[in-house]
């Protein structure tokens, strides 16, 4: 998009006498675009939460911002899939509910009166909402994926120690199993010895015969 040309065309159309009923819709579309792409650049934009609270200073600031090279660069960045948008998901929902659904969506015939510039900007605003929401979801999924990988790595670091313990325990189990019969026999003999009368022993001495 050639943003300075779009700004000039929309400002011109807003200024025409027959478009007075549009109530600066072209500039308001510019403002909405800037609120999505570079919200921190608009004077007073961070505190703007209702379309009814839009002031001429907001519109003028947005028109100036959109003509800058910084805006063009930020616009190119927000269109990249691997870039994290400056705007939050909560702010996107606010812009949709309080600005787009109030100023643009119910009035397609007014947007059409803004010519190609209005239709182009309107199409981008409509598409960028879903796109930005999907990007936020992708960012969250990537973060969760990194957390899972970190847990797997942590477990894999402990596994050699656990492996040694399990191998040792298994060897003890095998040894115990092999010696169980001998242990049972020894316990039986000791039990019988305990119940013998005093003076007798497990082994008869030669001189007692």
N, C-alpha and C. Protein backbone atom coordinates (compact mmCIF):
# COMPACT_ATOMS: atom_id res chain seq x y z
N UNK A 1 0.83 -1.20 0.00
CA UNK A 1 0.00 0.00 0.00
C UNK A 1 0.87 1.25 0.00
N UNK A 2 0.45 2.27 -0.75
CA UNK A 2 1.12 3.57 -0.75
C UNK A 2 0.33 4.46 0.21
N UNK A 3 0.74 4.48 1.43
CA UNK A 3 -0.06 5.09 2.49
C UNK A 3 -0.24 6.60 2.33
N UNK A 4 0.79 7.36 1.95
CA UNK A 4 0.55 8.80 1.77
C UNK A 4 -0.55 9.08 0.75
N UNK A 5 -0.61 8.29 -0.33
CA UNK A 5 -1.66 8.48 -1.33
C UNK A 5 -3.03 8.16 -0.77
N UNK A 6 -3.10 7.11 0.04
CA UNK A 6 -4.38 6.73 0.66
C UNK A 6 -4.86 7.84 1.60
N UNK A 7 -3.95 8.37 2.39
CA UNK A 7 -4.31 9.44 3.33
C UNK A 7 -4.83 10.65 2.56
N UNK A 8 -4.12 11.06 1.52
CA UNK A 8 -4.53 12.24 0.75
C UNK A 8 -5.91 12.02 0.14
N UNK A 9 -6.17 10.83 -0.40
CA UNK A 9 -7.44 10.57 -1.06
C UNK A 9 -8.60 10.56 -0.06
N UNK A 10 -8.39 9.93 1.08
CA UNK A 10 -9.46 9.86 2.07
C UNK A 10 -9.74 11.22 2.70
N UNK A 11 -8.69 12.00 2.93
CA UNK A 11 -8.87 13.35 3.48
C UNK A 11 -9.62 14.22 2.47
N UNK A 12 -9.29 14.05 1.19
CA UNK A 12 -9.97 14.83 0.14
C UNK A 12 -11.46 14.48 0.08
N UNK A 13 -11.76 13.17 0.12
CA UNK A 13 -13.16 12.73 0.04
C UNK A 13 -13.95 13.17 1.28
N UNK A 14 -13.32 13.12 2.44
CA UNK A 14 -13.99 13.59 3.66
C UNK A 14 -14.34 15.07 3.57
N UNK A 15 -13.50 15.82 2.86
CA UNK A 15 -13.68 17.27 2.79
C UNK A 15 -14.69 17.72 1.76
N UNK A 16 -15.14 16.83 0.90
CA UNK A 16 -16.11 17.23 -0.11
C UNK A 16 -17.49 17.48 0.53
N UNK A 17 -18.16 18.48 0.03
CA UNK A 17 -19.42 18.91 0.63
C UNK A 17 -20.47 17.81 0.63
N UNK A 18 -20.54 17.04 -0.47
CA UNK A 18 -21.57 15.98 -0.55
C UNK A 18 -21.30 14.79 0.39
N UNK A 19 -20.09 14.79 0.97
CA UNK A 19 -19.73 13.71 1.89
C UNK A 19 -19.76 14.15 3.36
N UNK A 20 -20.43 15.25 3.62
CA UNK A 20 -20.48 15.76 4.99
C UNK A 20 -21.14 14.76 5.94
N UNK A 21 -22.11 14.00 5.39
CA UNK A 21 -22.81 13.03 6.23
C UNK A 21 -21.93 11.83 6.63
N UNK A 22 -20.78 11.68 5.99
CA UNK A 22 -19.86 10.60 6.34
C UNK A 22 -19.16 10.87 7.68
N UNK A 23 -19.17 12.14 8.06
CA UNK A 23 -18.59 12.55 9.35
C UNK A 23 -17.15 12.06 9.51
N UNK A 24 -16.33 12.37 8.48
CA UNK A 24 -14.90 12.04 8.51
C UNK A 24 -14.64 10.54 8.63
N UNK A 25 -15.46 9.74 7.95
CA UNK A 25 -15.30 8.29 8.00
C UNK A 25 -13.93 7.86 7.46
N UNK A 26 -13.44 8.56 6.44
CA UNK A 26 -12.13 8.22 5.87
C UNK A 26 -11.03 8.37 6.91
N UNK A 27 -11.03 9.49 7.62
CA UNK A 27 -10.02 9.71 8.66
C UNK A 27 -10.19 8.72 9.81
N UNK A 28 -11.44 8.39 10.11
CA UNK A 28 -11.67 7.42 11.19
C UNK A 28 -11.14 6.03 10.81
N UNK A 29 -11.24 5.68 9.54
CA UNK A 29 -10.66 4.41 9.08
C UNK A 29 -9.14 4.44 9.18
N UNK A 30 -8.57 5.60 8.90
CA UNK A 30 -7.12 5.77 9.06
C UNK A 30 -6.75 5.61 10.53
N UNK A 31 -7.55 6.19 11.42
CA UNK A 31 -7.31 6.09 12.85
C UNK A 31 -7.36 4.63 13.31
N UNK A 32 -8.38 3.90 12.87
CA UNK A 32 -8.51 2.49 13.24
C UNK A 32 -7.30 1.68 12.78
N UNK A 33 -6.86 1.96 11.56
CA UNK A 33 -5.69 1.25 11.02
C UNK A 33 -4.45 1.52 11.88
N UNK A 34 -4.28 2.78 12.25
CA UNK A 34 -3.12 3.13 13.08
C UNK A 34 -3.23 2.53 14.48
N UNK A 35 -4.45 2.41 14.99
CA UNK A 35 -4.64 1.81 16.31
C UNK A 35 -4.24 0.33 16.31
N UNK A 36 -4.35 -0.30 15.13
CA UNK A 36 -3.96 -1.71 15.00
C UNK A 36 -2.46 -1.85 14.76
N UNK A 37 -1.94 -1.03 13.86
CA UNK A 37 -0.53 -1.17 13.44
C UNK A 37 0.44 -0.55 14.43
N UNK A 38 0.16 0.68 14.84
CA UNK A 38 1.10 1.40 15.72
C UNK A 38 0.34 2.23 16.75
N UNK A 39 -0.32 1.58 17.70
CA UNK A 39 -1.15 2.30 18.67
C UNK A 39 -0.39 3.29 19.53
N UNK A 40 0.88 3.01 19.80
CA UNK A 40 1.66 3.90 20.68
C UNK A 40 2.04 5.20 20.01
N UNK A 41 1.88 5.30 18.69
CA UNK A 41 2.29 6.50 17.96
C UNK A 41 1.21 7.57 17.90
N UNK A 42 -0.03 7.21 18.24
CA UNK A 42 -1.14 8.16 18.14
C UNK A 42 -1.25 8.96 19.44
N UNK A 43 -1.33 10.25 19.31
CA UNK A 43 -1.48 11.10 20.50
C UNK A 43 -2.83 10.83 21.17
N UNK A 44 -2.74 10.34 22.42
CA UNK A 44 -3.96 10.05 23.16
C UNK A 44 -4.66 8.78 22.74
N UNK A 45 -4.04 8.01 21.87
CA UNK A 45 -4.67 6.79 21.35
C UNK A 45 -4.83 5.70 22.39
N UNK A 46 -3.92 5.64 23.34
CA UNK A 46 -3.96 4.58 24.34
C UNK A 46 -5.17 4.69 25.26
N UNK A 47 -5.69 5.90 25.41
CA UNK A 47 -6.84 6.13 26.30
C UNK A 47 -8.17 6.17 25.54
N UNK A 48 -8.11 5.97 24.23
CA UNK A 48 -9.32 6.03 23.39
C UNK A 48 -10.00 4.66 23.38
N UNK A 49 -11.17 4.56 23.97
CA UNK A 49 -11.85 3.28 24.08
C UNK A 49 -13.25 3.27 23.48
N UNK A 50 -13.73 4.43 23.04
CA UNK A 50 -15.06 4.52 22.44
C UNK A 50 -15.01 5.37 21.18
N UNK A 51 -15.74 4.94 20.15
CA UNK A 51 -15.75 5.71 18.90
C UNK A 51 -16.39 7.08 19.11
N UNK A 52 -17.28 7.18 20.06
CA UNK A 52 -17.95 8.46 20.34
C UNK A 52 -17.00 9.47 20.98
N UNK A 53 -15.84 9.02 21.43
CA UNK A 53 -14.86 9.89 22.09
C UNK A 53 -13.74 10.34 21.15
N UNK A 54 -13.88 10.02 19.87
CA UNK A 54 -12.85 10.42 18.90
C UNK A 54 -12.84 11.94 18.76
N UNK A 55 -11.66 12.51 18.90
CA UNK A 55 -11.49 13.96 18.78
C UNK A 55 -10.75 14.29 17.48
N UNK A 56 -10.90 15.51 16.96
CA UNK A 56 -10.15 15.90 15.76
C UNK A 56 -8.65 15.70 15.91
N UNK A 57 -8.13 15.86 17.14
CA UNK A 57 -6.70 15.67 17.36
C UNK A 57 -6.28 14.22 17.12
N UNK A 58 -7.15 13.27 17.44
CA UNK A 58 -6.87 11.85 17.17
C UNK A 58 -6.77 11.62 15.67
N UNK A 59 -7.69 12.22 14.92
CA UNK A 59 -7.72 12.02 13.47
C UNK A 59 -6.50 12.64 12.80
N UNK A 60 -6.14 13.84 13.22
CA UNK A 60 -4.98 14.50 12.64
C UNK A 60 -3.69 13.74 12.96
N UNK A 61 -3.59 13.25 14.18
CA UNK A 61 -2.41 12.50 14.58
C UNK A 61 -2.28 11.21 13.77
N UNK A 62 -3.41 10.53 13.54
CA UNK A 62 -3.40 9.28 12.77
C UNK A 62 -2.98 9.53 11.33
N UNK A 63 -3.47 10.62 10.74
CA UNK A 63 -3.11 10.94 9.36
C UNK A 63 -1.60 11.20 9.24
N UNK A 64 -1.04 11.87 10.22
CA UNK A 64 0.41 12.14 10.21
C UNK A 64 1.21 10.85 10.38
N UNK A 65 0.74 9.99 11.29
CA UNK A 65 1.46 8.74 11.56
C UNK A 65 1.48 7.85 10.32
N UNK A 66 0.35 7.76 9.60
CA UNK A 66 0.27 6.85 8.46
C UNK A 66 1.17 7.27 7.31
N UNK A 67 1.57 8.50 7.25
CA UNK A 67 2.42 8.97 6.14
C UNK A 67 3.91 8.78 6.44
N UNK A 68 4.26 8.29 7.61
CA UNK A 68 5.67 8.15 7.99
C UNK A 68 6.23 6.81 7.52
N UNK A 69 7.55 6.75 7.40
CA UNK A 69 8.23 5.51 7.03
C UNK A 69 8.15 4.49 8.16
N UNK A 70 8.12 4.99 9.40
CA UNK A 70 7.99 4.08 10.54
C UNK A 70 6.70 3.28 10.47
N UNK A 71 5.62 3.93 10.06
CA UNK A 71 4.35 3.23 9.93
C UNK A 71 4.44 2.15 8.85
N UNK A 72 5.03 2.50 7.72
CA UNK A 72 5.16 1.52 6.63
C UNK A 72 5.95 0.30 7.08
N UNK A 73 7.01 0.54 7.86
CA UNK A 73 7.83 -0.57 8.35
C UNK A 73 7.04 -1.43 9.34
N UNK A 74 6.29 -0.78 10.22
CA UNK A 74 5.49 -1.52 11.19
C UNK A 74 4.36 -2.29 10.50
N UNK A 75 3.83 -1.71 9.44
CA UNK A 75 2.79 -2.39 8.67
C UNK A 75 3.36 -3.65 8.03
N UNK A 76 4.55 -3.56 7.46
CA UNK A 76 5.18 -4.74 6.86
C UNK A 76 5.48 -5.79 7.93
N UNK A 77 5.86 -5.33 9.12
CA UNK A 77 6.17 -6.27 10.21
C UNK A 77 4.94 -7.02 10.68
N UNK A 78 3.83 -6.31 10.84
CA UNK A 78 2.61 -6.95 11.35
C UNK A 78 2.06 -7.97 10.36
N UNK A 79 2.45 -7.83 9.10
CA UNK A 79 1.99 -8.78 8.08
C UNK A 79 2.87 -10.03 7.99
N UNK A 80 3.92 -10.09 8.81
CA UNK A 80 4.79 -11.27 8.84
C UNK A 80 4.28 -12.24 9.90
N UNK A 81 4.28 -13.52 9.56
CA UNK A 81 3.71 -14.51 10.47
C UNK A 81 4.53 -14.69 11.72
N UNK A 82 5.85 -14.53 11.63
CA UNK A 82 6.71 -14.81 12.78
C UNK A 82 6.91 -13.60 13.69
N UNK A 83 6.24 -12.48 13.38
CA UNK A 83 6.39 -11.27 14.20
C UNK A 83 5.27 -11.18 15.23
N UNK A 84 5.63 -10.84 16.45
CA UNK A 84 4.63 -10.67 17.50
C UNK A 84 4.03 -9.27 17.39
N UNK A 85 2.71 -9.15 17.24
CA UNK A 85 2.11 -7.82 17.09
C UNK A 85 2.26 -6.97 18.34
N UNK A 86 2.39 -5.67 18.13
CA UNK A 86 2.48 -4.74 19.27
C UNK A 86 1.16 -4.69 20.01
N UNK A 87 0.06 -4.80 19.27
CA UNK A 87 -1.26 -4.70 19.86
C UNK A 87 -1.64 -6.02 20.55
N UNK A 88 -2.31 -5.91 21.68
CA UNK A 88 -2.72 -7.10 22.42
C UNK A 88 -4.04 -7.64 21.89
N UNK A 89 -4.33 -8.88 22.26
CA UNK A 89 -5.58 -9.50 21.84
C UNK A 89 -6.78 -8.76 22.44
N UNK A 90 -6.63 -8.29 23.67
CA UNK A 90 -7.70 -7.53 24.32
C UNK A 90 -7.98 -6.22 23.58
N UNK A 91 -6.90 -5.56 23.11
CA UNK A 91 -7.07 -4.31 22.37
C UNK A 91 -7.75 -4.55 21.03
N UNK A 92 -7.42 -5.67 20.37
CA UNK A 92 -8.05 -6.01 19.10
C UNK A 92 -9.56 -6.17 19.29
N UNK A 93 -9.95 -6.87 20.36
CA UNK A 93 -11.37 -7.07 20.63
C UNK A 93 -12.07 -5.74 20.91
N UNK A 94 -11.36 -4.84 21.60
CA UNK A 94 -11.92 -3.52 21.88
C UNK A 94 -12.13 -2.73 20.58
N UNK A 95 -11.14 -2.74 19.72
CA UNK A 95 -11.23 -2.00 18.45
C UNK A 95 -12.36 -2.55 17.59
N UNK A 96 -12.49 -3.86 17.57
CA UNK A 96 -13.57 -4.46 16.77
C UNK A 96 -14.94 -4.08 17.33
N UNK A 97 -15.10 -4.23 18.63
CA UNK A 97 -16.41 -4.00 19.23
C UNK A 97 -16.83 -2.55 19.29
N UNK A 98 -15.87 -1.66 19.56
CA UNK A 98 -16.21 -0.25 19.80
C UNK A 98 -15.96 0.67 18.60
N UNK A 99 -15.22 0.20 17.60
CA UNK A 99 -14.91 1.06 16.46
C UNK A 99 -15.36 0.45 15.12
N UNK A 100 -14.84 -0.73 14.81
CA UNK A 100 -15.16 -1.34 13.51
C UNK A 100 -16.64 -1.68 13.42
N UNK A 101 -17.17 -2.35 14.46
CA UNK A 101 -18.58 -2.75 14.43
C UNK A 101 -19.53 -1.57 14.52
N UNK A 102 -19.02 -0.41 14.92
CA UNK A 102 -19.86 0.78 15.03
C UNK A 102 -19.74 1.68 13.80
N UNK A 103 -18.52 1.85 13.31
CA UNK A 103 -18.27 2.82 12.24
C UNK A 103 -18.23 2.22 10.83
N UNK A 104 -17.75 0.99 10.70
CA UNK A 104 -17.50 0.43 9.36
C UNK A 104 -18.50 -0.66 8.97
N UNK A 105 -18.59 -1.71 9.78
CA UNK A 105 -19.41 -2.87 9.42
C UNK A 105 -20.86 -2.54 9.10
N UNK A 106 -21.54 -1.69 9.87
CA UNK A 106 -22.96 -1.41 9.57
C UNK A 106 -23.17 -0.49 8.37
N UNK A 107 -22.10 0.11 7.83
CA UNK A 107 -22.26 1.14 6.79
C UNK A 107 -21.40 0.85 5.55
N UNK A 108 -21.61 -0.28 4.88
CA UNK A 108 -20.81 -0.59 3.68
C UNK A 108 -21.03 0.42 2.55
N UNK A 109 -22.25 0.98 2.48
CA UNK A 109 -22.52 1.96 1.43
C UNK A 109 -21.72 3.24 1.62
N UNK A 110 -21.45 3.60 2.88
CA UNK A 110 -20.64 4.79 3.14
C UNK A 110 -19.16 4.52 2.82
N UNK A 111 -18.71 3.32 3.16
CA UNK A 111 -17.33 2.95 2.84
C UNK A 111 -17.13 2.96 1.33
N UNK A 112 -18.14 2.50 0.58
CA UNK A 112 -18.05 2.47 -0.88
C UNK A 112 -17.91 3.87 -1.47
N UNK A 113 -18.46 4.86 -0.81
CA UNK A 113 -18.37 6.25 -1.29
C UNK A 113 -16.97 6.82 -1.13
N UNK A 114 -16.13 6.11 -0.39
CA UNK A 114 -14.74 6.56 -0.21
C UNK A 114 -13.82 6.01 -1.30
N UNK A 115 -14.41 5.40 -2.34
CA UNK A 115 -13.63 4.97 -3.50
C UNK A 115 -12.73 3.78 -3.20
N UNK A 116 -11.73 3.61 -4.07
CA UNK A 116 -10.81 2.48 -3.94
C UNK A 116 -9.99 2.54 -2.65
N UNK A 117 -9.64 3.75 -2.24
CA UNK A 117 -8.84 3.90 -1.01
C UNK A 117 -9.63 3.39 0.19
N UNK A 118 -10.91 3.74 0.27
CA UNK A 118 -11.75 3.29 1.37
C UNK A 118 -11.98 1.79 1.35
N UNK A 119 -12.27 1.26 0.15
CA UNK A 119 -12.49 -0.18 0.04
C UNK A 119 -11.23 -0.97 0.37
N UNK A 120 -10.08 -0.48 -0.08
CA UNK A 120 -8.81 -1.16 0.18
C UNK A 120 -8.51 -1.19 1.68
N UNK A 121 -8.65 -0.03 2.31
CA UNK A 121 -8.37 0.04 3.75
C UNK A 121 -9.40 -0.77 4.54
N UNK A 122 -10.65 -0.73 4.10
CA UNK A 122 -11.69 -1.49 4.77
C UNK A 122 -11.45 -3.00 4.68
N UNK A 123 -11.00 -3.46 3.52
CA UNK A 123 -10.71 -4.89 3.34
C UNK A 123 -9.55 -5.31 4.23
N UNK A 124 -8.53 -4.45 4.31
CA UNK A 124 -7.37 -4.80 5.14
C UNK A 124 -7.77 -4.85 6.62
N UNK A 125 -8.55 -3.88 7.07
CA UNK A 125 -8.99 -3.86 8.47
C UNK A 125 -9.79 -5.11 8.79
N UNK A 126 -10.66 -5.51 7.88
CA UNK A 126 -11.48 -6.69 8.10
C UNK A 126 -10.63 -7.96 8.20
N UNK A 127 -9.62 -8.07 7.32
CA UNK A 127 -8.77 -9.26 7.30
C UNK A 127 -7.76 -9.32 8.43
N UNK A 128 -7.25 -8.16 8.83
CA UNK A 128 -6.18 -8.14 9.83
C UNK A 128 -6.68 -8.56 11.21
N UNK A 129 -7.97 -8.41 11.45
CA UNK A 129 -8.51 -8.82 12.76
C UNK A 129 -8.31 -10.31 12.98
N UNK A 130 -8.82 -11.11 12.04
CA UNK A 130 -8.68 -12.56 12.17
C UNK A 130 -7.22 -12.98 12.14
N UNK A 131 -6.46 -12.33 11.25
CA UNK A 131 -5.04 -12.66 11.11
C UNK A 131 -4.28 -12.40 12.41
N UNK A 132 -4.53 -11.26 13.04
CA UNK A 132 -3.83 -10.91 14.28
C UNK A 132 -4.23 -11.83 15.42
N UNK A 133 -5.52 -12.19 15.49
CA UNK A 133 -5.98 -13.13 16.51
C UNK A 133 -5.28 -14.48 16.34
N UNK A 134 -5.17 -14.95 15.10
CA UNK A 134 -4.48 -16.21 14.83
C UNK A 134 -3.01 -16.14 15.20
N UNK A 135 -2.40 -14.99 14.97
CA UNK A 135 -0.98 -14.83 15.33
C UNK A 135 -0.79 -14.92 16.83
N UNK A 136 -1.69 -14.31 17.58
CA UNK A 136 -1.60 -14.40 19.04
C UNK A 136 -1.75 -15.86 19.49
N UNK A 137 -2.66 -16.59 18.86
CA UNK A 137 -2.85 -18.00 19.21
C UNK A 137 -1.61 -18.82 18.88
N UNK A 138 -0.97 -18.50 17.74
CA UNK A 138 0.26 -19.20 17.36
C UNK A 138 1.37 -18.91 18.36
N UNK A 139 1.46 -17.66 18.81
CA UNK A 139 2.48 -17.30 19.80
C UNK A 139 2.27 -18.09 21.09
N UNK A 140 1.01 -18.20 21.52
CA UNK A 140 0.70 -18.97 22.74
C UNK A 140 1.07 -20.43 22.56
N UNK A 141 0.74 -21.01 21.41
CA UNK A 141 1.05 -22.41 21.14
C UNK A 141 2.55 -22.65 21.11
N UNK A 142 3.29 -21.71 20.52
CA UNK A 142 4.75 -21.85 20.48
C UNK A 142 5.33 -21.79 21.88
N UNK A 143 4.78 -20.92 22.71
CA UNK A 143 5.26 -20.81 24.09
C UNK A 143 5.00 -22.11 24.84
N UNK A 144 3.80 -22.67 24.68
CA UNK A 144 3.49 -23.94 25.33
C UNK A 144 4.39 -25.05 24.83
N UNK A 145 4.69 -25.02 23.52
CA UNK A 145 5.57 -26.04 22.95
C UNK A 145 6.97 -25.95 23.55
N UNK A 146 7.46 -24.74 23.74
CA UNK A 146 8.77 -24.55 24.36
C UNK A 146 8.78 -25.06 25.80
N UNK A 147 7.67 -24.81 26.51
CA UNK A 147 7.58 -25.27 27.90
C UNK A 147 7.59 -26.80 27.97
N UNK A 148 6.89 -27.44 27.03
CA UNK A 148 6.87 -28.91 27.00
C UNK A 148 8.26 -29.45 26.69
N UNK A 149 8.94 -28.84 25.74
CA UNK A 149 10.30 -29.27 25.39
C UNK A 149 11.26 -29.09 26.56
N UNK A 150 11.07 -28.00 27.31
CA UNK A 150 11.92 -27.77 28.48
C UNK A 150 11.70 -28.85 29.54
N UNK A 151 10.43 -29.27 29.73
CA UNK A 151 10.13 -30.33 30.70
C UNK A 151 10.74 -31.66 30.25
N UNK A 152 10.65 -31.94 28.95
CA UNK A 152 11.23 -33.17 28.41
C UNK A 152 12.74 -33.17 28.62
N UNK A 153 13.36 -32.03 28.38
CA UNK A 153 14.80 -31.92 28.57
C UNK A 153 15.18 -32.14 30.03
N UNK A 154 14.38 -31.55 30.94
CA UNK A 154 14.67 -31.70 32.37
C UNK A 154 14.55 -33.16 32.80
N UNK A 155 13.53 -33.84 32.30
CA UNK A 155 13.35 -35.26 32.64
C UNK A 155 14.49 -36.10 32.07
N UNK A 156 14.91 -35.77 30.84
CA UNK A 156 15.99 -36.53 30.21
C UNK A 156 17.31 -36.37 30.96
N UNK A 157 17.48 -35.21 31.63
CA UNK A 157 18.69 -35.00 32.42
C UNK A 157 18.69 -35.88 33.67
N UNK A 158 17.51 -36.16 34.22
CA UNK A 158 17.41 -36.99 35.42
C UNK A 158 17.40 -38.48 35.11
N UNK A 159 17.11 -38.84 33.87
CA UNK A 159 16.93 -40.25 33.54
C UNK A 159 18.17 -41.11 33.80
N UNK A 160 19.40 -40.68 33.48
CA UNK A 160 20.57 -41.53 33.77
C UNK A 160 20.65 -41.93 35.24
N UNK A 161 20.36 -40.99 36.16
CA UNK A 161 20.39 -41.31 37.58
C UNK A 161 19.29 -42.30 37.93
N UNK A 162 18.09 -42.08 37.39
CA UNK A 162 16.99 -42.99 37.66
C UNK A 162 17.27 -44.36 37.06
N UNK A 163 17.92 -44.37 35.91
CA UNK A 163 18.25 -45.63 35.25
C UNK A 163 19.19 -46.46 36.11
N UNK A 164 20.21 -45.81 36.70
CA UNK A 164 21.14 -46.52 37.58
C UNK A 164 20.42 -47.08 38.80
N UNK A 165 19.50 -46.29 39.37
CA UNK A 165 18.76 -46.74 40.54
C UNK A 165 17.89 -47.95 40.20
N UNK A 166 17.19 -47.87 39.06
CA UNK A 166 16.31 -48.97 38.65
C UNK A 166 17.12 -50.24 38.39
N UNK A 167 18.27 -50.11 37.73
CA UNK A 167 19.11 -51.27 37.46
C UNK A 167 19.59 -51.90 38.76
N UNK A 168 19.99 -51.04 39.74
CA UNK A 168 20.44 -51.55 41.03
C UNK A 168 19.32 -52.26 41.78
N UNK A 169 18.14 -51.67 41.75
CA UNK A 169 16.99 -52.27 42.44
C UNK A 169 16.63 -53.60 41.80
N UNK A 170 16.74 -53.67 40.48
CA UNK A 170 16.41 -54.92 39.77
C UNK A 170 17.39 -56.03 40.13
N UNK A 171 18.67 -55.68 40.27
CA UNK A 171 19.67 -56.68 40.65
C UNK A 171 19.41 -57.19 42.06
N UNK A 172 19.06 -56.28 42.97
CA UNK A 172 18.73 -56.69 44.35
C UNK A 172 17.53 -57.62 44.36
N UNK A 173 16.53 -57.28 43.52
CA UNK A 173 15.34 -58.11 43.44
C UNK A 173 15.69 -59.52 42.95
N UNK A 174 16.54 -59.60 41.93
CA UNK A 174 16.94 -60.91 41.41
C UNK A 174 17.70 -61.70 42.47
N UNK A 175 18.61 -61.03 43.19
CA UNK A 175 19.39 -61.71 44.23
C UNK A 175 18.46 -62.21 45.34
N UNK A 176 17.53 -61.36 45.74
CA UNK A 176 16.59 -61.72 46.81
C UNK A 176 15.74 -62.92 46.40
N UNK A 177 15.34 -62.95 45.15
CA UNK A 177 14.51 -64.04 44.66
C UNK A 177 15.29 -65.36 44.69
N UNK A 178 16.58 -65.30 44.34
CA UNK A 178 17.41 -66.50 44.32
C UNK A 178 17.72 -67.02 45.71
N UNK A 179 17.76 -66.12 46.70
CA UNK A 179 18.10 -66.50 48.06
C UNK A 179 16.88 -66.77 48.94
N UNK A 180 15.69 -66.61 48.36
CA UNK A 180 14.49 -66.73 49.17
C UNK A 180 14.34 -68.14 49.76
N UNK A 181 14.62 -69.19 48.96
CA UNK A 181 14.47 -70.57 49.44
C UNK A 181 15.42 -70.85 50.59
N UNK A 182 16.68 -70.39 50.44
CA UNK A 182 17.66 -70.58 51.50
C UNK A 182 17.24 -69.85 52.78
N UNK A 183 16.73 -68.64 52.62
CA UNK A 183 16.31 -67.85 53.78
C UNK A 183 15.16 -68.51 54.51
N UNK A 184 14.20 -69.07 53.75
CA UNK A 184 13.06 -69.75 54.36
C UNK A 184 13.51 -70.98 55.16
N UNK A 185 14.47 -71.73 54.61
CA UNK A 185 14.98 -72.92 55.30
C UNK A 185 15.68 -72.53 56.59
N UNK A 186 16.48 -71.45 56.53
CA UNK A 186 17.20 -70.99 57.71
C UNK A 186 16.24 -70.55 58.81
N UNK A 187 15.18 -69.87 58.41
CA UNK A 187 14.19 -69.40 59.38
C UNK A 187 13.50 -70.60 60.03
N UNK A 188 13.22 -71.64 59.24
CA UNK A 188 12.56 -72.84 59.77
C UNK A 188 13.42 -73.53 60.81
N UNK A 189 14.74 -73.66 60.51
CA UNK A 189 15.66 -74.31 61.44
C UNK A 189 15.75 -73.52 62.74
N UNK A 190 15.87 -72.19 62.60
CA UNK A 190 15.98 -71.35 63.78
C UNK A 190 14.73 -71.44 64.64
N UNK A 191 13.57 -71.54 63.98
CA UNK A 191 12.31 -71.66 64.71
C UNK A 191 12.26 -72.98 65.48
N UNK A 192 12.69 -74.08 64.84
CA UNK A 192 12.70 -75.37 65.51
C UNK A 192 13.66 -75.38 66.69
N UNK A 193 14.82 -74.72 66.51
CA UNK A 193 15.83 -74.66 67.58
C UNK A 193 15.28 -73.93 68.79
N UNK A 194 14.49 -72.89 68.51
CA UNK A 194 13.95 -72.09 69.60
C UNK A 194 13.01 -72.91 70.47
N UNK A 195 12.31 -73.89 69.88
CA UNK A 195 11.34 -74.68 70.62
C UNK A 195 11.91 -75.99 71.17
N UNK A 196 13.21 -76.28 71.00
CA UNK A 196 13.84 -77.49 71.57
C UNK A 196 14.04 -77.32 73.06
N UNK A 197 14.04 -78.45 73.79
CA UNK A 197 14.30 -78.37 75.24
C UNK A 197 15.70 -77.84 75.50
N UNK A 198 15.88 -77.27 76.68
CA UNK A 198 17.20 -76.75 77.04
C UNK A 198 18.20 -77.89 77.11
N UNK A 199 19.42 -77.62 76.69
CA UNK A 199 20.49 -78.61 76.70
C UNK A 199 20.71 -79.27 75.37
N UNK A 200 19.69 -79.20 74.49
CA UNK A 200 19.88 -79.77 73.15
C UNK A 200 20.42 -78.71 72.24
N UNK A 201 20.99 -79.11 71.12
CA UNK A 201 21.60 -78.17 70.18
C UNK A 201 21.34 -78.66 68.78
N UNK A 202 21.67 -77.78 67.85
CA UNK A 202 21.48 -78.11 66.44
C UNK A 202 22.39 -79.24 65.99
N UNK A 203 23.59 -79.35 66.64
CA UNK A 203 24.59 -80.32 66.20
C UNK A 203 24.96 -81.20 67.39
N UNK A 204 24.97 -82.50 67.22
CA UNK A 204 25.38 -83.43 68.28
C UNK A 204 26.90 -83.52 68.31
N UNK A 205 27.51 -83.28 69.50
CA UNK A 205 28.96 -83.38 69.62
C UNK A 205 29.37 -84.83 69.75
N UNK A 206 30.56 -85.16 69.27
CA UNK A 206 31.03 -86.54 69.30
C UNK A 206 31.06 -87.10 70.72
N UNK A 207 31.44 -86.27 71.72
CA UNK A 207 31.61 -86.81 73.09
C UNK A 207 30.29 -87.00 73.82
N UNK A 208 29.20 -86.60 73.19
CA UNK A 208 27.90 -86.78 73.82
C UNK A 208 27.24 -88.09 73.43
N UNK A 209 27.84 -88.83 72.49
CA UNK A 209 27.26 -90.07 72.02
C UNK A 209 27.36 -91.15 73.09
